[in-house]
Each structure stands twice: as C-alpha cells, then as structure tokens.
C-alpha atoms as a PDB file:
ATOM      1  CA  UNK A   1      13.872  26.612  -4.175  1.00  0.00           C
ATOM      2  CA  UNK A   2      10.178  27.192  -3.718  1.00  0.00           C
ATOM      3  CA  UNK A   3       8.576  23.604  -3.860  1.00  0.00           C
ATOM      4  CA  UNK A   4       4.758  22.968  -3.834  1.00  0.00           C
ATOM      5  CA  UNK A   5       3.313  19.520  -3.260  1.00  0.00           C
ATOM      6  CA  UNK A   6      -0.082  18.831  -4.760  1.00  0.00           C
ATOM      7  CA  UNK A   7      -1.350  16.006  -2.513  1.00  0.00           C
ATOM      8  CA  UNK A   8      -4.108  14.550  -0.431  1.00  0.00           C
ATOM      9  CA  UNK A   9      -4.266  16.248   2.965  1.00  0.00           C
ATOM     10  CA  UNK A  10      -0.878  15.874   4.764  1.00  0.00           C
ATOM     11  CA  UNK A  11      -2.292  15.913   8.062  1.00  0.00           C
ATOM     12  CA  UNK A  12      -3.699  12.618   7.588  1.00  0.00           C
ATOM     13  CA  UNK A  13      -0.343  10.639   6.127  1.00  0.00           C
ATOM     14  CA  UNK A  14       1.355   8.058   7.877  1.00  0.00           C
ATOM     15  CA  UNK A  15       4.816   9.754   8.472  1.00  0.00           C
ATOM     16  CA  UNK A  16       6.495   6.368   8.891  1.00  0.00           C
ATOM     17  CA  UNK A  17       5.576   5.319   5.510  1.00  0.00           C
ATOM     18  CA  UNK A  18       4.599   7.881   3.348  1.00  0.00           C
ATOM     19  CA  UNK A  19       6.860   8.797   0.348  1.00  0.00           C
ATOM     20  CA  UNK A  20       5.665  12.334  -0.192  1.00  0.00           C
ATOM     21  CA  UNK A  21       6.459  13.149   3.613  1.00  0.00           C
ATOM     22  CA  UNK A  22       9.730  11.870   3.205  1.00  0.00           C
ATOM     23  CA  UNK A  23      10.318  13.922  -0.018  1.00  0.00           C
ATOM     24  CA  UNK A  24       8.997  17.082   1.933  1.00  0.00           C
ATOM     25  CA  UNK A  25      11.300  16.196   4.787  1.00  0.00           C
ATOM     26  CA  UNK A  26      14.472  15.931   2.699  1.00  0.00           C
ATOM     27  CA  UNK A  27      13.458  19.305   0.943  1.00  0.00           C
ATOM     28  CA  UNK A  28      13.146  21.045   4.070  1.00  0.00           C
ATOM     29  CA  UNK A  29      16.577  19.834   5.193  1.00  0.00           C
ATOM     30  CA  UNK A  30      18.015  21.388   2.204  1.00  0.00           C
ATOM     31  CA  UNK A  31      16.573  24.800   2.951  1.00  0.00           C
ATOM     32  CA  UNK A  32      13.749  24.695   0.377  1.00  0.00           C
ATOM     33  CA  UNK A  33      10.390  26.590   1.066  1.00  0.00           C
ATOM     34  CA  UNK A  34       7.601  24.156   1.147  1.00  0.00           C
ATOM     35  CA  UNK A  35       3.776  24.514   0.253  1.00  0.00           C
ATOM     36  CA  UNK A  36       1.071  22.184  -0.087  1.00  0.00           C
ATOM     37  CA  UNK A  37      -2.480  22.145  -1.770  1.00  0.00           C
ATOM     38  CA  UNK A  38      -4.986  19.450  -2.696  1.00  0.00           C
ATOM     39  CA  UNK A  39      -6.189  18.826  -6.251  1.00  0.00           C
ATOM     40  CA  UNK A  40      -9.248  20.736  -5.446  1.00  0.00           C
ATOM     41  CA  UNK A  41      -7.216  23.780  -4.646  1.00  0.00           C
ATOM     42  CA  UNK A  42      -5.726  24.033  -8.187  1.00  0.00           C
ATOM     43  CA  UNK A  43      -7.400  26.455 -10.656  1.00  0.00           C
ATOM     44  CA  UNK A  44      -6.829  28.208 -14.120  1.00  0.00           C
ATOM     45  CA  UNK A  45      -7.850  31.845 -14.432  1.00  0.00           C
ATOM     46  CA  UNK A  46      -7.226  34.232 -17.282  1.00  0.00           C
ATOM     47  CA  UNK A  47      -4.194  32.409 -18.403  1.00  0.00           C
ATOM     48  CA  UNK A  48      -2.500  31.482 -15.163  1.00  0.00           C
ATOM     49  CA  UNK A  49      -2.597  28.423 -13.033  1.00  0.00           C
ATOM     50  CA  UNK A  50      -2.984  29.095  -9.518  1.00  0.00           C
ATOM     51  CA  UNK A  51      -3.351  27.008  -6.314  1.00  0.00           C
ATOM     52  CA  UNK A  52      -5.002  28.010  -2.639  1.00  0.00           C
ATOM     53  CA  UNK A  53      -1.917  26.814  -0.897  1.00  0.00           C
ATOM     54  CA  UNK A  54      -0.375  26.729   2.685  1.00  0.00           C
ATOM     55  CA  UNK A  55       3.282  27.150   3.479  1.00  0.00           C
ATOM     56  CA  UNK A  56       4.379  24.256   6.062  1.00  0.00           C
ATOM     57  CA  UNK A  57       7.023  23.026   8.063  1.00  0.00           C
ATOM     58  CA  UNK A  58       7.147  19.264   8.856  1.00  0.00           C
ATOM     59  CA  UNK A  59       8.878  17.421  11.677  1.00  0.00           C
ATOM     60  CA  UNK A  60       8.886  13.434  12.462  1.00  0.00           C
ATOM     61  CA  UNK A  61       6.368  13.548  15.200  1.00  0.00           C
ATOM     62  CA  UNK A  62       3.172  11.611  14.315  1.00  0.00           C
ATOM     63  CA  UNK A  63       0.052  13.501  15.041  1.00  0.00           C
ATOM     64  CA  UNK A  64       2.320  16.840  14.975  1.00  0.00           C
ATOM     65  CA  UNK A  65       4.087  16.342  11.954  1.00  0.00           C
ATOM     66  CA  UNK A  66       3.087  19.419  10.017  1.00  0.00           C
ATOM     67  CA  UNK A  67       2.442  23.176  10.956  1.00  0.00           C
ATOM     68  CA  UNK A  68       1.064  25.516   8.153  1.00  0.00           C
ATOM     69  CA  UNK A  69       0.242  29.134   7.669  1.00  0.00           C
ATOM     70  CA  UNK A  70      -3.116  30.493   6.470  1.00  0.00           C
ATOM     71  CA  UNK A  71      -3.908  29.608   2.763  1.00  0.00           C
ATOM     72  CA  UNK A  72      -2.729  31.990   0.101  1.00  0.00           C
ATOM     73  CA  UNK A  73      -2.892  32.097  -3.588  1.00  0.00           C
ATOM     74  CA  UNK A  74       0.060  30.948  -5.357  1.00  0.00           C
ATOM     75  CA  UNK A  75       0.939  31.705  -8.846  1.00  0.00           C
ATOM     76  CA  UNK A  76       2.561  28.392  -9.752  1.00  0.00           C
ATOM     77  CA  UNK A  77       4.360  29.839 -12.452  1.00  0.00           C
ATOM     78  CA  UNK A  78       6.710  31.484  -9.895  1.00  0.00           C
ATOM     79  CA  UNK A  79       7.222  28.068  -7.966  1.00  0.00           C
ATOM     80  CA  UNK A  80      10.430  26.218  -8.812  1.00  0.00           C
ATOM     81  CA  UNK A  81       9.041  22.690  -8.555  1.00  0.00           C
ATOM     82  CA  UNK A  82       5.681  21.060  -8.259  1.00  0.00           C
ATOM     83  CA  UNK A  83       5.157  17.581  -6.987  1.00  0.00           C
ATOM     84  CA  UNK A  84       2.265  15.755  -8.471  1.00  0.00           C
ATOM     85  CA  UNK A  85       1.571  13.386  -5.587  1.00  0.00           C
ATOM     86  CA  UNK A  86      -2.175  12.897  -4.971  1.00  0.00           C
ATOM     87  CA  UNK A  87      -3.110   9.313  -4.801  1.00  0.00           C
ATOM     88  CA  UNK A  88      -5.127   7.670  -7.657  1.00  0.00           C
ATOM     89  CA  UNK A  89      -7.794   6.675  -8.823  1.00  0.00           C
ATOM     90  CA  UNK A  90      -6.521   7.925 -12.144  1.00  0.00           C
ATOM     91  CA  UNK A  91      -9.976   9.416 -13.171  1.00  0.00           C
ATOM     92  CA  UNK A  92     -11.013  12.563 -14.945  1.00  0.00           C
ATOM     93  CA  UNK A  93     -10.272  14.689 -11.982  1.00  0.00           C
ATOM     94  CA  UNK A  94      -6.690  13.434 -11.994  1.00  0.00           C
ATOM     95  CA  UNK A  95      -6.443  13.800 -15.623  1.00  0.00           C
ATOM     96  CA  UNK A  96      -7.770  17.411 -15.672  1.00  0.00           C
ATOM     97  CA  UNK A  97      -4.875  18.549 -12.971  1.00  0.00           C
ATOM     98  CA  UNK A  98      -2.201  17.119 -15.669  1.00  0.00           C
ATOM     99  CA  UNK A  99      -3.522  19.283 -18.260  1.00  0.00           C
ATOM    100  CA  UNK A 100      -3.546  22.180 -16.027  1.00  0.00           C
ATOM    101  CA  UNK A 101      -0.049  21.640 -14.804  1.00  0.00           C
ATOM    102  CA  UNK A 102       1.031  20.800 -18.179  1.00  0.00           C
ATOM    103  CA  UNK A 103       0.509  24.616 -19.071  1.00  0.00           C
ATOM    104  CA  UNK A 104       3.493  25.413 -16.791  1.00  0.00           C
ATOM    105  CA  UNK A 105       6.098  23.639 -19.033  1.00  0.00           C
ATOM    106  CA  UNK A 106       8.959  25.794 -19.634  1.00  0.00           C
ATOM    107  CA  UNK A 107       8.182  27.906 -16.244  1.00  0.00           C
ATOM    108  CA  UNK A 108       8.126  25.580 -13.674  1.00  0.00           C
ATOM    109  CA  UNK A 109       9.162  21.828 -13.291  1.00  0.00           C
ATOM    110  CA  UNK A 110       6.429  19.458 -12.575  1.00  0.00           C
ATOM    111  CA  UNK A 111       7.487  16.121 -11.177  1.00  0.00           C
ATOM    112  CA  UNK A 112       6.569  13.632 -12.631  1.00  0.00           C
ATOM    113  CA  UNK A 113       5.961  15.205 -15.780  1.00  0.00           C
ATOM    114  CA  UNK A 114       2.213  15.467 -16.262  1.00  0.00           C
ATOM    115  CA  UNK A 115       1.892  15.178 -20.006  1.00  0.00           C
ATOM    116  CA  UNK A 116       3.537  11.633 -19.718  1.00  0.00           C
ATOM    117  CA  UNK A 117       1.819  10.907 -16.426  1.00  0.00           C
ATOM    118  CA  UNK A 118      -1.443  11.309 -18.324  1.00  0.00           C
ATOM    119  CA  UNK A 119      -0.166   9.103 -21.142  1.00  0.00           C
ATOM    120  CA  UNK A 120       1.625   6.595 -18.892  1.00  0.00           C
ATOM    121  CA  UNK A 121      -1.225   5.089 -16.637  1.00  0.00           C
ATOM    122  CA  UNK A 122       0.678   2.206 -14.462  1.00  0.00           C
ATOM    123  CA  UNK A 123      -1.148  -0.735 -16.188  1.00  0.00           C
ATOM    124  CA  UNK A 124      -1.178   0.558 -19.649  1.00  0.00           C
ATOM    125  CA  UNK A 125       2.344   1.552 -20.242  1.00  0.00           C
ATOM    126  CA  UNK A 126       3.324  -2.061 -19.534  1.00  0.00           C
ATOM    127  CA  UNK A 127       1.378  -2.927 -22.739  1.00  0.00           C
ATOM    128  CA  UNK A 128       4.677  -1.417 -24.544  1.00  0.00           C
ATOM    129  CA  UNK A 129       6.966  -4.289 -23.398  1.00  0.00           C
ATOM    130  CA  UNK A 130       4.835  -7.401 -24.129  1.00  0.00           C
ATOM    131  CA  UNK A 131       8.061  -9.370 -23.795  1.00  0.00           C
ATOM    132  CA  UNK A 132       8.646  -8.400 -20.328  1.00  0.00           C
ATOM    133  CA  UNK A 133       5.166  -8.806 -19.057  1.00  0.00           C
ATOM    134  CA  UNK A 134       2.800 -11.883 -18.374  1.00  0.00           C
ATOM    135  CA  UNK A 135      -0.186 -12.621 -20.686  1.00  0.00           C
ATOM    136  CA  UNK A 136      -2.347  -9.942 -20.283  1.00  0.00           C
ATOM    137  CA  UNK A 137      -5.967  -8.696 -21.573  1.00  0.00           C
ATOM    138  CA  UNK A 138      -7.551  -5.094 -21.303  1.00  0.00           C
ATOM    139  CA  UNK A 139     -11.305  -5.419 -22.336  1.00  0.00           C
ATOM    140  CA  UNK A 140     -14.757  -4.499 -20.981  1.00  0.00           C
ATOM    141  CA  UNK A 141     -16.513  -7.181 -23.125  1.00  0.00           C
ATOM    142  CA  UNK A 142     -17.343 -10.150 -20.901  1.00  0.00           C
ATOM    143  CA  UNK A 143     -17.082 -12.650 -23.697  1.00  0.00           C
ATOM    144  CA  UNK A 144     -13.380 -11.592 -24.577  1.00  0.00           C
ATOM    145  CA  UNK A 145     -12.561 -11.714 -20.796  1.00  0.00           C
ATOM    146  CA  UNK A 146     -13.971 -15.268 -20.483  1.00  0.00           C
ATOM    147  CA  UNK A 147     -12.064 -16.489 -23.742  1.00  0.00           C
ATOM    148  CA  UNK A 148      -8.733 -15.254 -21.932  1.00  0.00           C
ATOM    149  CA  UNK A 149      -9.591 -17.133 -18.607  1.00  0.00           C
ATOM    150  CA  UNK A 150     -10.410 -20.152 -20.726  1.00  0.00           C
ATOM    151  CA  UNK A 151      -6.976 -19.976 -22.312  1.00  0.00           C
ATOM    152  CA  UNK A 152      -4.856 -19.417 -19.056  1.00  0.00           C
ATOM    153  CA  UNK A 153      -7.049 -20.928 -16.283  1.00  0.00           C
ATOM    154  CA  UNK A 154      -5.847 -19.156 -13.276  1.00  0.00           C
ATOM    155  CA  UNK A 155      -6.030 -15.243 -13.629  1.00  0.00           C
ATOM    156  CA  UNK A 156      -5.926 -12.181 -11.871  1.00  0.00           C
ATOM    157  CA  UNK A 157      -8.965  -9.484 -12.513  1.00  0.00           C
ATOM    158  CA  UNK A 158      -8.715  -5.908 -11.584  1.00  0.00           C
ATOM    159  CA  UNK A 159      -9.988  -2.487 -12.320  1.00  0.00           C
ATOM    160  CA  UNK A 160      -7.637  -0.750 -14.933  1.00  0.00           C
ATOM    161  CA  UNK A 161      -7.353   2.468 -13.211  1.00  0.00           C
ATOM    162  CA  UNK A 162      -7.314   1.319  -9.271  1.00  0.00           C
ATOM    163  CA  UNK A 163      -4.741   1.354  -6.850  1.00  0.00           C
ATOM    164  CA  UNK A 164      -3.448  -0.012  -3.494  1.00  0.00           C
ATOM    165  CA  UNK A 165      -4.766  -3.720  -4.173  1.00  0.00           C
ATOM    166  CA  UNK A 166      -8.383  -2.568  -4.163  1.00  0.00           C
ATOM    167  CA  UNK A 167     -10.672  -4.535  -6.217  1.00  0.00           C
ATOM    168  CA  UNK A 168      -8.240  -7.333  -7.234  1.00  0.00           C
ATOM    169  CA  UNK A 169      -9.326 -10.932  -7.606  1.00  0.00           C
ATOM    170  CA  UNK A 170      -7.838 -14.046  -8.424  1.00  0.00           C
ATOM    171  CA  UNK A 171     -10.235 -16.369 -10.408  1.00  0.00           C
ATOM    172  CA  UNK A 172      -8.989 -20.028 -10.416  1.00  0.00           C
ATOM    173  CA  UNK A 173      -9.977 -22.546 -13.173  1.00  0.00           C
ATOM    174  CA  UNK A 174     -12.793 -23.466 -10.968  1.00  0.00           C
ATOM    175  CA  UNK A 175     -14.045 -20.175  -9.911  1.00  0.00           C
ATOM    176  CA  UNK A 176     -17.672 -19.240 -11.263  1.00  0.00           C
ATOM    177  CA  UNK A 177     -17.572 -15.622 -10.234  1.00  0.00           C
ATOM    178  CA  UNK A 178     -16.340 -13.806 -13.408  1.00  0.00           C
ATOM    179  CA  UNK A 179     -19.949 -13.000 -14.514  1.00  0.00           C
ATOM    180  CA  UNK A 180     -20.988 -11.502 -10.900  1.00  0.00           C
ATOM    181  CA  UNK A 181     -17.723  -9.505 -10.871  1.00  0.00           C
ATOM    182  CA  UNK A 182     -18.047  -8.116 -14.358  1.00  0.00           C
ATOM    183  CA  UNK A 183     -21.755  -7.079 -13.541  1.00  0.00           C
ATOM    184  CA  UNK A 184     -20.171  -5.341 -10.161  1.00  0.00           C
ATOM    185  CA  UNK A 185     -17.532  -3.333 -12.216  1.00  0.00           C
ATOM    186  CA  UNK A 186     -19.847  -2.518 -14.724  1.00  0.00           C
ATOM    187  CA  UNK A 187     -22.357  -0.847 -12.477  1.00  0.00           C
ATOM    188  CA  UNK A 188     -19.462   1.100 -10.977  1.00  0.00           C
ATOM    189  CA  UNK A 189     -18.008   2.827 -13.892  1.00  0.00           C
ATOM    190  CA  UNK A 190     -17.553   2.160 -17.852  1.00  0.00           C
ATOM    191  CA  UNK A 191     -13.886   1.588 -17.999  1.00  0.00           C
ATOM    192  CA  UNK A 192     -12.453  -1.830 -19.099  1.00  0.00           C
ATOM    193  CA  UNK A 193     -10.867  -4.372 -16.773  1.00  0.00           C
ATOM    194  CA  UNK A 194      -7.555  -5.771 -16.795  1.00  0.00           C
ATOM    195  CA  UNK A 195      -6.729  -9.340 -16.675  1.00  0.00           C
ATOM    196  CA  UNK A 196      -3.390 -11.062 -16.316  1.00  0.00           C
ATOM    197  CA  UNK A 197      -2.350 -14.818 -16.019  1.00  0.00           C
ATOM    198  CA  UNK A 198      -1.718 -15.447 -12.271  1.00  0.00           C
ATOM    199  CA  UNK A 199       1.975 -15.734 -11.326  1.00  0.00           C
ATOM    200  CA  UNK A 200       2.199 -18.578  -8.625  1.00  0.00           C
ATOM    201  CA  UNK A 201       5.631 -16.525  -7.614  1.00  0.00           C
ATOM    202  CA  UNK A 202       3.592 -13.977  -5.855  1.00  0.00           C
ATOM    203  CA  UNK A 203       3.364 -16.071  -2.966  1.00  0.00           C
ATOM    204  CA  UNK A 204       7.358 -15.451  -2.541  1.00  0.00           C
ATOM    205  CA  UNK A 205       6.750 -11.651  -3.267  1.00  0.00           C
ATOM    206  CA  UNK A 206       6.049  -8.682  -5.234  1.00  0.00           C
ATOM    207  CA  UNK A 207       9.101  -6.530  -5.861  1.00  0.00           C
ATOM    208  CA  UNK A 208       8.557  -2.969  -5.809  1.00  0.00           C
ATOM    209  CA  UNK A 209      11.857  -1.515  -7.737  1.00  0.00           C
ATOM    210  CA  UNK A 210      12.486   2.152  -7.366  1.00  0.00           C
ATOM    211  CA  UNK A 211      13.926   4.100 -10.282  1.00  0.00           C
ATOM    212  CA  UNK A 212      15.389   7.588 -10.182  1.00  0.00           C
ATOM    213  CA  UNK A 213      15.837   9.387 -13.369  1.00  0.00           C
ATOM    214  CA  UNK A 214      15.602   5.912 -15.250  1.00  0.00           C
ATOM    215  CA  UNK A 215      18.265   4.300 -12.870  1.00  0.00           C
ATOM    216  CA  UNK A 216      17.343   1.396 -10.287  1.00  0.00           C
ATOM    217  CA  UNK A 217      18.344   2.456  -6.789  1.00  0.00           C
ATOM    218  CA  UNK A 218      16.938  -0.545  -4.816  1.00  0.00           C
ATOM    219  CA  UNK A 219      13.921  -2.484  -4.208  1.00  0.00           C
ATOM    220  CA  UNK A 220      11.741  -4.024  -1.423  1.00  0.00           C
ATOM    221  CA  UNK A 221       9.811  -7.449  -1.473  1.00  0.00           C
ATOM    222  CA  UNK A 222       6.187  -7.164  -0.407  1.00  0.00           C
ATOM    223  CA  UNK A 223       4.955 -10.676   0.822  1.00  0.00           C
ATOM    224  CA  UNK A 224       1.342 -11.377   0.895  1.00  0.00           C
ATOM    225  CA  UNK A 225      -0.250 -11.869   4.213  1.00  0.00           C
ATOM    226  CA  UNK A 226      -1.420 -15.566   5.043  1.00  0.00           C
ATOM    227  CA  UNK A 227      -4.490 -16.516   2.873  1.00  0.00           C
ATOM    228  CA  UNK A 228      -4.129 -13.371   0.653  1.00  0.00           C
ATOM    229  CA  UNK A 229      -3.161 -13.082  -3.012  1.00  0.00           C
ATOM    230  CA  UNK A 230      -2.528  -9.271  -2.941  1.00  0.00           C
ATOM    231  CA  UNK A 231       0.858  -8.097  -1.675  1.00  0.00           C
ATOM    232  CA  UNK A 232       0.168  -4.352  -1.446  1.00  0.00           C
ATOM    233  CA  UNK A 233       1.108  -2.857   1.865  1.00  0.00           C
ATOM    234  CA  UNK A 234      -2.310  -1.116   1.917  1.00  0.00           C
ATOM    235  CA  UNK A 235      -4.052  -4.527   2.402  1.00  0.00           C
ATOM    236  CA  UNK A 236      -1.396  -6.217   4.811  1.00  0.00           C
ATOM    237  CA  UNK A 237       1.531  -7.173   2.453  1.00  0.00           C
ATOM    238  CA  UNK A 238       4.924  -7.219   4.597  1.00  0.00           C
ATOM    239  CA  UNK A 239       8.075  -5.442   3.279  1.00  0.00           C
ATOM    240  CA  UNK A 240      11.063  -7.333   3.298  1.00  0.00           C
ATOM    241  CA  UNK A 241      14.603  -6.365   2.171  1.00  0.00           C
ATOM    242  CA  UNK A 242      15.983  -7.699  -1.075  1.00  0.00           C
ATOM    243  CA  UNK A 243      18.458  -7.561  -3.765  1.00  0.00           C
ATOM    244  CA  UNK A 244      17.855  -6.867  -7.405  1.00  0.00           C
ATOM    245  CA  UNK A 245      18.289  -9.940  -9.787  1.00  0.00           C
ATOM    246  CA  UNK A 246      19.870  -9.623 -13.213  1.00  0.00           C
ATOM    247  CA  UNK A 247      16.384  -9.937 -14.816  1.00  0.00           C
ATOM    248  CA  UNK A 248      15.284  -6.968 -12.908  1.00  0.00           C
ATOM    249  CA  UNK A 249      18.179  -5.125 -13.742  1.00  0.00           C
ATOM    250  CA  UNK A 250      17.626  -5.972 -17.386  1.00  0.00           C
ATOM    251  CA  UNK A 251      13.961  -4.580 -17.359  1.00  0.00           C
ATOM    252  CA  UNK A 252      15.220  -1.608 -15.867  1.00  0.00           C
ATOM    253  CA  UNK A 253      17.790  -1.086 -18.366  1.00  0.00           C
ATOM    254  CA  UNK A 254      15.256  -1.626 -21.157  1.00  0.00           C
ATOM    255  CA  UNK A 255      12.464   0.846 -19.742  1.00  0.00           C
ATOM    256  CA  UNK A 256      14.865   3.314 -17.885  1.00  0.00           C
ATOM    257  CA  UNK A 257      15.818   5.612 -20.657  1.00  0.00           C
ATOM    258  CA  UNK A 258      12.304   6.096 -21.809  1.00  0.00           C
ATOM    259  CA  UNK A 259      11.434   7.178 -18.180  1.00  0.00           C
ATOM    260  CA  UNK A 260      14.101   9.774 -17.911  1.00  0.00           C
ATOM    261  CA  UNK A 261      13.473  11.117 -21.376  1.00  0.00           C
ATOM    262  CA  UNK A 262       9.872  11.609 -20.710  1.00  0.00           C
ATOM    263  CA  UNK A 263      10.635  13.323 -17.115  1.00  0.00           C
ATOM    264  CA  UNK A 264       9.316  10.412 -14.853  1.00  0.00           C
ATOM    265  CA  UNK A 265      12.053  11.270 -12.136  1.00  0.00           C
ATOM    266  CA  UNK A 266      10.480   9.013  -9.401  1.00  0.00           C
ATOM    267  CA  UNK A 267       9.020   5.669 -10.555  1.00  0.00           C
ATOM    268  CA  UNK A 268       8.115   2.359  -8.758  1.00  0.00           C
ATOM    269  CA  UNK A 269       7.981  -0.879 -10.985  1.00  0.00           C
ATOM    270  CA  UNK A 270       6.305  -4.028  -9.885  1.00  0.00           C
ATOM    271  CA  UNK A 271       8.101  -7.190 -10.708  1.00  0.00           C
ATOM    272  CA  UNK A 272       6.678 -10.818  -9.814  1.00  0.00           C
ATOM    273  CA  UNK A 273       9.006 -13.834 -10.685  1.00  0.00           C
ATOM    274  CA  UNK A 274      10.863 -11.841 -13.228  1.00  0.00           C
ATOM    275  CA  UNK A 275       7.709 -10.370 -14.990  1.00  0.00           C
ATOM    276  CA  UNK A 276       6.897  -6.717 -15.231  1.00  0.00           C
ATOM    277  CA  UNK A 277       3.406  -6.008 -14.062  1.00  0.00           C
ATOM    278  CA  UNK A 278       3.146  -2.303 -13.461  1.00  0.00           C
ATOM    279  CA  UNK A 279       4.979   1.072 -14.068  1.00  0.00           C
ATOM    280  CA  UNK A 280       3.905   3.305 -11.263  1.00  0.00           C
ATOM    281  CA  UNK A 281       4.317   6.826 -12.357  1.00  0.00           C
ATOM    282  CA  UNK A 282       1.294   8.513 -10.503  1.00  0.00           C
ATOM    283  CA  UNK A 283       2.292   8.358  -7.091  1.00  0.00           C
ATOM    284  CA  UNK A 284       4.745   5.715  -6.351  1.00  0.00           C
ATOM    285  CA  UNK A 285       5.437   4.521  -2.734  1.00  0.00           C
ATOM    286  CA  UNK A 286       8.185   2.553  -1.104  1.00  0.00           C
ATOM    287  CA  UNK A 287      11.095   5.154  -0.181  1.00  0.00           C
ATOM    288  CA  UNK A 288      11.015   4.797   3.613  1.00  0.00           C
ATOM    289  CA  UNK A 289      10.863   1.159   3.595  1.00  0.00           C
ATOM    290  CA  UNK A 290      13.767   1.060   1.188  1.00  0.00           C
ATOM    291  CA  UNK A 291      15.836   3.579   3.238  1.00  0.00           C
ATOM    292  CA  UNK A 292      15.193   1.601   6.213  1.00  0.00           C
ATOM    293  CA  UNK A 293      16.432  -1.594   4.773  1.00  0.00           C
ATOM    294  CA  UNK A 294      19.197  -0.464   2.669  1.00  0.00           C
ATOM    295  CA  UNK A 295      20.286   2.667   4.832  1.00  0.00           C
ATOM    296  CA  UNK A 296      20.618   4.719   1.709  1.00  0.00           C
ATOM    297  CA  UNK A 297      19.154   8.263   1.584  1.00  0.00           C
ATOM    298  CA  UNK A 298      16.589   7.722  -1.608  1.00  0.00           C
ATOM    299  CA  UNK A 299      14.834  10.880  -0.974  1.00  0.00           C
ATOM    300  CA  UNK A 300      18.343  12.852  -1.430  1.00  0.00           C
ATOM    301  CA  UNK A 301      18.875  10.881  -4.718  1.00  0.00           C
ATOM    302  CA  UNK A 302      15.534  11.965  -6.036  1.00  0.00           C
ATOM    303  CA  UNK A 303      15.935  15.640  -5.036  1.00  0.00           C
ATOM    304  CA  UNK A 304      19.558  15.794  -6.556  1.00  0.00           C
ATOM    305  CA  UNK A 305      17.782  14.749  -9.830  1.00  0.00           C
ATOM    306  CA  UNK A 306      14.926  17.234  -9.365  1.00  0.00           C
ATOM    307  CA  UNK A 307      17.608  20.071  -8.551  1.00  0.00           C
ATOM    308  CA  UNK A 308      19.538  19.219 -11.405  1.00  0.00           C
ATOM    309  CA  UNK A 309      16.341  19.415 -13.802  1.00  0.00           C
ATOM    310  CA  UNK A 310      15.541  22.943 -12.193  1.00  0.00           C
ATOM    311  CA  UNK A 311      19.135  24.309 -12.902  1.00  0.00           C
ATOM    312  CA  UNK A 312      18.803  22.937 -16.285  1.00  0.00           C
ATOM    313  CA  UNK A 313      15.777  25.147 -16.736  1.00  0.00           C
END
C-alpha cells in the first residue's frame, strides 16, 4: 500500500518511545511505501485534497532514523491509508485538518476516522460514560468551579484540550490558588477547564490500556515520579508492566464496540483505580512500552486491522 503519515517532523521523534515511528517501522517491514507530511503541508485545491510530502525509509538508529526524498505533491485520494498522528493541542488548526481529511471518505482510509476524532475529544468522550468516570465538571465560570471544588475538596484542574500532562494541577482542600489559576488559563484562551475529583489511587499508577479496533490488547502502568501528581511519561512518569483487571476489561467491553464502529482503530484509554479518565483518539501512545513488556507485536495487530479495512473498501 501507499501510506502517508500526517505528523509532527519525524526527524525529532524519540525512536525508543514514539508510537508513530513504530507504526512506520512495521509498515515498511510489510512492504508499504511510506510518506510523511506535517499538518502545515496539507491543502485543499479545486475539489481535491493534497499534501506536500516526502517519501521515507526508516531504521532503528537514533539520529539517523529516517531518510527522505525531496518533497512532492501527493493527491491524497490516491493514497491507500493516511495516519492522523500529529500531537495535540486539539485546536482549530487540528480541527481544520480533520475537516479536510474527512473529504477523502470513500476514497482513502484515514486512521483514526477524522469525523469521529473531531467529535471525540479525549476529555469529552468520557462524558458519555458517567458510570465509568470520576465526578467531573467542565466549566469556564469560576463560581461553578468553586462549587465543584467545595463539594469534592481534593480535585484535579487541567485544560480541556491539553496533552502530555501540561497544565495539570492538583488543588487540595487547603489550596487557595483556584482564582489565580483561573485567571492564568483565561488569559491564554477562551476554552473551558475540566475539573475532576482527585483519585488517590494515582499514586499506584495511571494505567494506559491500548485498544485495537475496539479490543484491548494490553496495558502499561504509568507511575508518577516522587513528589509529582502527574503520571504522564512526558513529565517523568515511569512505565511498568501490568495485567488488565476485570474492571478494566469491563470498561473496554462497554466502550469498545463504539470505537470500532466509528473507525477508531488505535485508541489509548486512561484508567485510575478502576475509573475511566480519558479516551485518547487523537494521537495515542504506549505501543513501544507495551511491546517491550509483553513481547507482543502491537504494531502488527494495528496494521492487520488497517489492512483489513482498506481491503473492505
């Protein structure tokens, strides 16, 4: 197949951890022709969707992990599969790319399906499953946030469309910084904030469970660094091997069919103490850590699902 990755510059990725690099590596091993382009290289012109892309080869040598040809204009309707893999923030630039890629429906498989990526922001999709999630509020109004904090005492406050643990704050009952944080966020953008009841079980880890076409294939436990609330590996969280619990499999069984039906082939959910906190569909991570711990080729499972969908088209 001809496969294109819409991603941040591939030269800058950490090949020991980056899930997109691992997907490219597996695709190349299967004989697929690979292209990369950044979101800025995507464009619409006179009815068509195009990208200024480079053909690449990858190898597992950090610093010399990619060779690329000169850029060329690709008609994306002639590509078999496109991976939507740039990192958030989930802003209007990100949303615009989903609108453009959605125009390829019926011609080119886009993974994950951009229509539903646009309508499934990680911290909003979980609102459809209130029985699975901790108490949650989404609001911009300061008084509403204060009332929620008064009810639950110990809370987590974070940007609604952030990623990688950036801008995540724990506010204990004694904390007096909500006003200041609200002012800070309000000065940055016009988006609401999300506040959730703090889950003490996070000290034992925040589990990332990988689903492929709606089925769980394993998980890693991300343990916060000493003195840190956040468990994201971007901010020092330590990945550990883990087994899925009965509760985690129950969560997957509830949300999995919907993910498969809506074309969310590669998804990473976050679970703390049996509570679902996020459903990551934009650019989930965790493949390489899971493969090292479980000695299972997760990238192959993902490509099996993608190839089956392309064949079905």
